Amino acid sequence: MRIAAGILTLLGGLIGGSLFVGILHGAGIYGALLFLPLIVATIGGIMALKRVHYKWALAGAICSILFPPFGIPAVILLVKRKSEFEAKQGEEEKEEGPK
């Protein structure tokens, strides 16, 4: 489900972010901040697929809500699978050993 959440985050972010940018450009609003939701959603989708940085993945899923058919399921799936991120973090700590 984490992989589905990552894919939905990427799709929702790209589609929703593009629509958001188009609407604001049509309204005459310009600037680099227009692309922030698009960028955060893309980074979050990648982090969810790699199973690292849960907070970034969740932020990306929230930004993907700009396109609700993909964004809302992405948030739900990601929240349900938070334990996968914690499990990977525990595995990495075991590999490092005591400091």
N, C-alpha and C. Protein backbone atom coordinates (compact mmCIF):
# COMPACT_ATOMS: atom_id res chain seq x y z
N MET A 1 0.82 -1.20 0.00
CA MET A 1 0.00 0.00 0.00
C MET A 1 0.86 1.26 0.00
N ARG A 2 2.10 1.14 0.53
CA ARG A 2 3.00 2.29 0.53
C ARG A 2 3.36 2.68 -0.90
N ILE A 3 3.55 1.67 -1.74
CA ILE A 3 3.90 1.96 -3.13
C ILE A 3 2.73 2.63 -3.84
N ALA A 4 1.53 2.16 -3.58
CA ALA A 4 0.34 2.79 -4.16
C ALA A 4 0.21 4.23 -3.67
N ALA A 5 0.48 4.45 -2.39
CA ALA A 5 0.42 5.81 -1.85
C ALA A 5 1.45 6.71 -2.52
N GLY A 6 2.65 6.18 -2.75
CA GLY A 6 3.69 6.97 -3.42
C GLY A 6 3.30 7.32 -4.85
N ILE A 7 2.75 6.36 -5.56
CA ILE A 7 2.33 6.61 -6.94
C ILE A 7 1.17 7.60 -6.99
N LEU A 8 0.20 7.41 -6.09
CA LEU A 8 -0.93 8.35 -6.04
C LEU A 8 -0.47 9.75 -5.67
N THR A 9 0.51 9.84 -4.77
CA THR A 9 1.05 11.15 -4.39
C THR A 9 1.71 11.81 -5.58
N LEU A 10 2.51 11.05 -6.31
CA LEU A 10 3.16 11.61 -7.50
C LEU A 10 2.14 12.07 -8.54
N LEU A 11 1.18 11.21 -8.84
CA LEU A 11 0.17 11.57 -9.84
C LEU A 11 -0.69 12.75 -9.39
N GLY A 12 -1.15 12.69 -8.14
CA GLY A 12 -1.97 13.77 -7.62
C GLY A 12 -1.22 15.07 -7.55
N GLY A 13 0.05 15.01 -7.18
CA GLY A 13 0.86 16.22 -7.12
C GLY A 13 1.13 16.81 -8.49
N LEU A 14 1.43 15.95 -9.44
CA LEU A 14 1.72 16.46 -10.78
C LEU A 14 0.47 17.01 -11.47
N ILE A 15 -0.62 16.26 -11.37
CA ILE A 15 -1.86 16.71 -12.01
C ILE A 15 -2.44 17.91 -11.26
N GLY A 16 -2.57 17.77 -9.94
CA GLY A 16 -3.14 18.85 -9.14
C GLY A 16 -2.26 20.09 -9.14
N GLY A 17 -0.95 19.88 -9.06
CA GLY A 17 -0.04 21.02 -9.10
C GLY A 17 -0.09 21.74 -10.43
N SER A 18 -0.20 20.99 -11.51
CA SER A 18 -0.31 21.61 -12.83
C SER A 18 -1.61 22.39 -12.97
N LEU A 19 -2.70 21.82 -12.47
CA LEU A 19 -3.98 22.53 -12.51
C LEU A 19 -3.93 23.80 -11.66
N PHE A 20 -3.30 23.68 -10.47
CA PHE A 20 -3.16 24.82 -9.57
C PHE A 20 -2.36 25.95 -10.23
N VAL A 21 -1.26 25.59 -10.86
CA VAL A 21 -0.43 26.58 -11.55
C VAL A 21 -1.21 27.21 -12.69
N GLY A 22 -1.94 26.40 -13.46
CA GLY A 22 -2.73 26.93 -14.58
C GLY A 22 -3.82 27.89 -14.12
N ILE A 23 -4.51 27.55 -13.05
CA ILE A 23 -5.58 28.42 -12.53
C ILE A 23 -5.00 29.74 -12.05
N LEU A 24 -3.90 29.68 -11.31
CA LEU A 24 -3.32 30.91 -10.80
C LEU A 24 -2.69 31.76 -11.91
N HIS A 25 -2.13 31.13 -12.92
CA HIS A 25 -1.62 31.90 -14.06
C HIS A 25 -2.78 32.59 -14.79
N GLY A 26 -3.90 31.89 -14.90
CA GLY A 26 -5.08 32.49 -15.54
C GLY A 26 -5.60 33.67 -14.75
N ALA A 27 -5.41 33.64 -13.44
CA ALA A 27 -5.85 34.75 -12.58
C ALA A 27 -4.82 35.87 -12.54
N GLY A 28 -3.68 35.68 -13.19
CA GLY A 28 -2.67 36.73 -13.25
C GLY A 28 -1.71 36.70 -12.08
N ILE A 29 -1.62 35.59 -11.38
CA ILE A 29 -0.70 35.47 -10.25
C ILE A 29 0.51 34.69 -10.73
N TYR A 30 1.68 35.27 -10.51
CA TYR A 30 2.91 34.64 -10.96
C TYR A 30 3.90 34.59 -9.80
N GLY A 31 4.88 33.71 -9.90
CA GLY A 31 5.91 33.62 -8.88
C GLY A 31 6.35 32.19 -8.66
N ALA A 32 7.48 32.06 -7.99
CA ALA A 32 8.06 30.74 -7.74
C ALA A 32 7.23 29.94 -6.74
N LEU A 33 6.49 30.60 -5.87
CA LEU A 33 5.70 29.89 -4.86
C LEU A 33 4.55 29.09 -5.47
N LEU A 34 4.22 29.37 -6.71
CA LEU A 34 3.17 28.61 -7.38
C LEU A 34 3.54 27.14 -7.50
N PHE A 35 4.82 26.88 -7.65
CA PHE A 35 5.27 25.53 -7.91
C PHE A 35 5.57 24.75 -6.64
N LEU A 36 5.45 25.38 -5.48
CA LEU A 36 5.79 24.72 -4.22
C LEU A 36 4.98 23.46 -3.96
N PRO A 37 3.64 23.46 -4.10
CA PRO A 37 2.90 22.21 -3.88
C PRO A 37 3.32 21.10 -4.85
N LEU A 38 3.58 21.48 -6.08
CA LEU A 38 4.00 20.51 -7.09
C LEU A 38 5.34 19.88 -6.71
N ILE A 39 6.27 20.69 -6.25
CA ILE A 39 7.60 20.20 -5.87
C ILE A 39 7.52 19.32 -4.62
N VAL A 40 6.79 19.78 -3.60
CA VAL A 40 6.68 19.02 -2.35
C VAL A 40 5.99 17.68 -2.60
N ALA A 41 4.95 17.67 -3.42
CA ALA A 41 4.25 16.42 -3.72
C ALA A 41 5.16 15.45 -4.46
N THR A 42 5.97 15.94 -5.37
CA THR A 42 6.89 15.08 -6.11
C THR A 42 7.95 14.49 -5.17
N ILE A 43 8.53 15.33 -4.32
CA ILE A 43 9.53 14.85 -3.36
C ILE A 43 8.89 13.84 -2.40
N GLY A 44 7.69 14.15 -1.93
CA GLY A 44 7.00 13.25 -1.01
C GLY A 44 6.68 11.91 -1.64
N GLY A 45 6.28 11.91 -2.89
CA GLY A 45 6.02 10.65 -3.59
C GLY A 45 7.27 9.80 -3.72
N ILE A 46 8.38 10.44 -4.01
CA ILE A 46 9.65 9.71 -4.12
C ILE A 46 10.06 9.15 -2.77
N MET A 47 9.90 9.96 -1.71
CA MET A 47 10.24 9.50 -0.36
C MET A 47 9.36 8.32 0.07
N ALA A 48 8.09 8.34 -0.32
CA ALA A 48 7.20 7.23 0.01
C ALA A 48 7.61 5.97 -0.74
N LEU A 49 7.99 6.10 -1.99
CA LEU A 49 8.42 4.94 -2.75
C LEU A 49 9.72 4.35 -2.21
N LYS A 50 10.62 5.22 -1.75
CA LYS A 50 11.89 4.76 -1.19
C LYS A 50 11.77 4.31 0.26
N ARG A 51 10.64 4.62 0.89
CA ARG A 51 10.36 4.28 2.28
C ARG A 51 11.32 4.97 3.24
N VAL A 52 11.59 6.24 2.98
CA VAL A 52 12.40 7.06 3.88
C VAL A 52 11.66 8.37 4.15
N HIS A 53 11.97 9.02 5.23
CA HIS A 53 11.44 10.33 5.59
C HIS A 53 9.91 10.39 5.53
N TYR A 54 9.30 9.78 6.51
CA TYR A 54 7.83 9.73 6.57
C TYR A 54 7.21 11.13 6.54
N LYS A 55 7.83 12.08 7.22
CA LYS A 55 7.26 13.43 7.28
C LYS A 55 7.22 14.08 5.89
N TRP A 56 8.26 13.87 5.11
CA TRP A 56 8.24 14.40 3.74
C TRP A 56 7.18 13.69 2.90
N ALA A 57 7.07 12.40 3.08
CA ALA A 57 6.07 11.63 2.33
C ALA A 57 4.67 12.11 2.68
N LEU A 58 4.41 12.35 3.96
CA LEU A 58 3.09 12.84 4.38
C LEU A 58 2.84 14.25 3.86
N ALA A 59 3.85 15.11 3.91
CA ALA A 59 3.69 16.46 3.37
C ALA A 59 3.37 16.42 1.88
N GLY A 60 4.03 15.53 1.16
CA GLY A 60 3.75 15.37 -0.27
C GLY A 60 2.34 14.88 -0.52
N ALA A 61 1.89 13.93 0.30
CA ALA A 61 0.52 13.42 0.14
C ALA A 61 -0.50 14.52 0.42
N ILE A 62 -0.22 15.35 1.41
CA ILE A 62 -1.13 16.45 1.72
C ILE A 62 -1.16 17.46 0.57
N CYS A 63 0.00 17.73 -0.02
CA CYS A 63 0.03 18.65 -1.17
C CYS A 63 -0.67 18.05 -2.39
N SER A 64 -0.71 16.74 -2.48
CA SER A 64 -1.37 16.11 -3.62
C SER A 64 -2.89 16.18 -3.52
N ILE A 65 -3.41 16.68 -2.40
CA ILE A 65 -4.86 16.83 -2.24
C ILE A 65 -5.40 17.90 -3.19
N LEU A 66 -4.52 18.64 -3.85
CA LEU A 66 -4.98 19.60 -4.87
C LEU A 66 -5.77 18.88 -5.96
N PHE A 67 -5.52 17.60 -6.13
CA PHE A 67 -6.28 16.76 -7.06
C PHE A 67 -6.88 15.62 -6.23
N PRO A 68 -8.06 15.85 -5.62
CA PRO A 68 -8.63 14.94 -4.61
C PRO A 68 -8.78 13.48 -5.02
N PRO A 69 -9.09 13.13 -6.27
CA PRO A 69 -9.24 11.69 -6.57
C PRO A 69 -7.96 10.89 -6.31
N PHE A 70 -6.81 11.51 -6.37
CA PHE A 70 -5.56 10.83 -6.07
C PHE A 70 -5.04 11.20 -4.69
N GLY A 71 -5.23 12.43 -4.27
CA GLY A 71 -4.65 12.92 -3.03
C GLY A 71 -5.23 12.33 -1.77
N ILE A 72 -6.54 12.23 -1.70
CA ILE A 72 -7.18 11.72 -0.48
C ILE A 72 -6.83 10.24 -0.24
N PRO A 73 -6.92 9.37 -1.25
CA PRO A 73 -6.49 7.98 -1.01
C PRO A 73 -5.00 7.88 -0.66
N ALA A 74 -4.18 8.76 -1.24
CA ALA A 74 -2.75 8.74 -0.93
C ALA A 74 -2.51 9.03 0.54
N VAL A 75 -3.19 10.02 1.08
CA VAL A 75 -3.03 10.36 2.50
C VAL A 75 -3.50 9.20 3.37
N ILE A 76 -4.64 8.62 3.05
CA ILE A 76 -5.19 7.52 3.85
C ILE A 76 -4.24 6.31 3.83
N LEU A 77 -3.77 5.93 2.65
CA LEU A 77 -2.87 4.79 2.55
C LEU A 77 -1.55 5.03 3.27
N LEU A 78 -1.05 6.25 3.18
CA LEU A 78 0.23 6.57 3.80
C LEU A 78 0.12 6.56 5.32
N VAL A 79 -0.96 7.10 5.84
CA VAL A 79 -1.14 7.11 7.29
C VAL A 79 -1.30 5.69 7.83
N LYS A 80 -1.99 4.84 7.06
CA LYS A 80 -2.17 3.45 7.50
C LYS A 80 -0.85 2.68 7.50
N ARG A 81 0.11 3.07 6.70
CA ARG A 81 1.37 2.35 6.56
C ARG A 81 2.56 3.07 7.18
N LYS A 82 2.33 3.89 8.17
CA LYS A 82 3.42 4.59 8.84
C LYS A 82 4.42 3.59 9.44
N SER A 83 3.93 2.45 9.87
CA SER A 83 4.80 1.46 10.50
C SER A 83 5.89 0.95 9.56
N GLU A 84 5.65 0.96 8.26
CA GLU A 84 6.67 0.51 7.31
C GLU A 84 7.89 1.44 7.35
N PHE A 85 7.65 2.72 7.52
CA PHE A 85 8.75 3.67 7.60
C PHE A 85 9.54 3.46 8.88
N GLU A 86 8.83 3.23 9.99
CA GLU A 86 9.49 3.01 11.27
C GLU A 86 10.28 1.70 11.26
N ALA A 87 9.76 0.68 10.58
CA ALA A 87 10.45 -0.60 10.50
C ALA A 87 11.77 -0.45 9.74
N LYS A 88 11.78 0.31 8.68
CA LYS A 88 13.01 0.50 7.92
C LYS A 88 14.02 1.28 8.74
N GLN A 89 13.55 2.26 9.49
CA GLN A 89 14.46 3.04 10.33
C GLN A 89 15.10 2.15 11.39
N GLY A 90 14.32 1.24 11.96
CA GLY A 90 14.85 0.29 12.93
C GLY A 90 15.89 -0.64 12.31
N GLU A 91 15.65 -1.07 11.08
CA GLU A 91 16.61 -1.93 10.38
C GLU A 91 17.92 -1.20 10.14
N GLU A 92 17.85 0.06 9.78
CA GLU A 92 19.06 0.84 9.53
C GLU A 92 19.87 1.04 10.81
N GLU A 93 19.17 1.23 11.93
CA GLU A 93 19.87 1.40 13.19
C GLU A 93 20.57 0.11 13.61
N LYS A 94 19.97 -1.05 13.32
CA LYS A 94 20.60 -2.33 13.64
C LYS A 94 21.85 -2.53 12.81
N GLU A 95 21.82 -2.11 11.54
CA GLU A 95 22.98 -2.28 10.66
C GLU A 95 24.15 -1.43 11.11
N GLU A 96 23.86 -0.24 11.62
CA GLU A 96 24.93 0.67 12.06
C GLU A 96 25.63 0.13 13.31
N GLY A 97 24.87 -0.53 14.17
CA GLY A 97 25.43 -1.07 15.41
C GLY A 97 25.59 0.01 16.46
N PRO A 98 26.14 -0.35 17.61
CA PRO A 98 26.31 0.65 18.67
C PRO A 98 27.39 1.66 18.31
N LYS A 99 27.18 2.86 18.80
CA LYS A 99 28.15 3.93 18.48
C LYS A 99 29.15 4.10 19.57
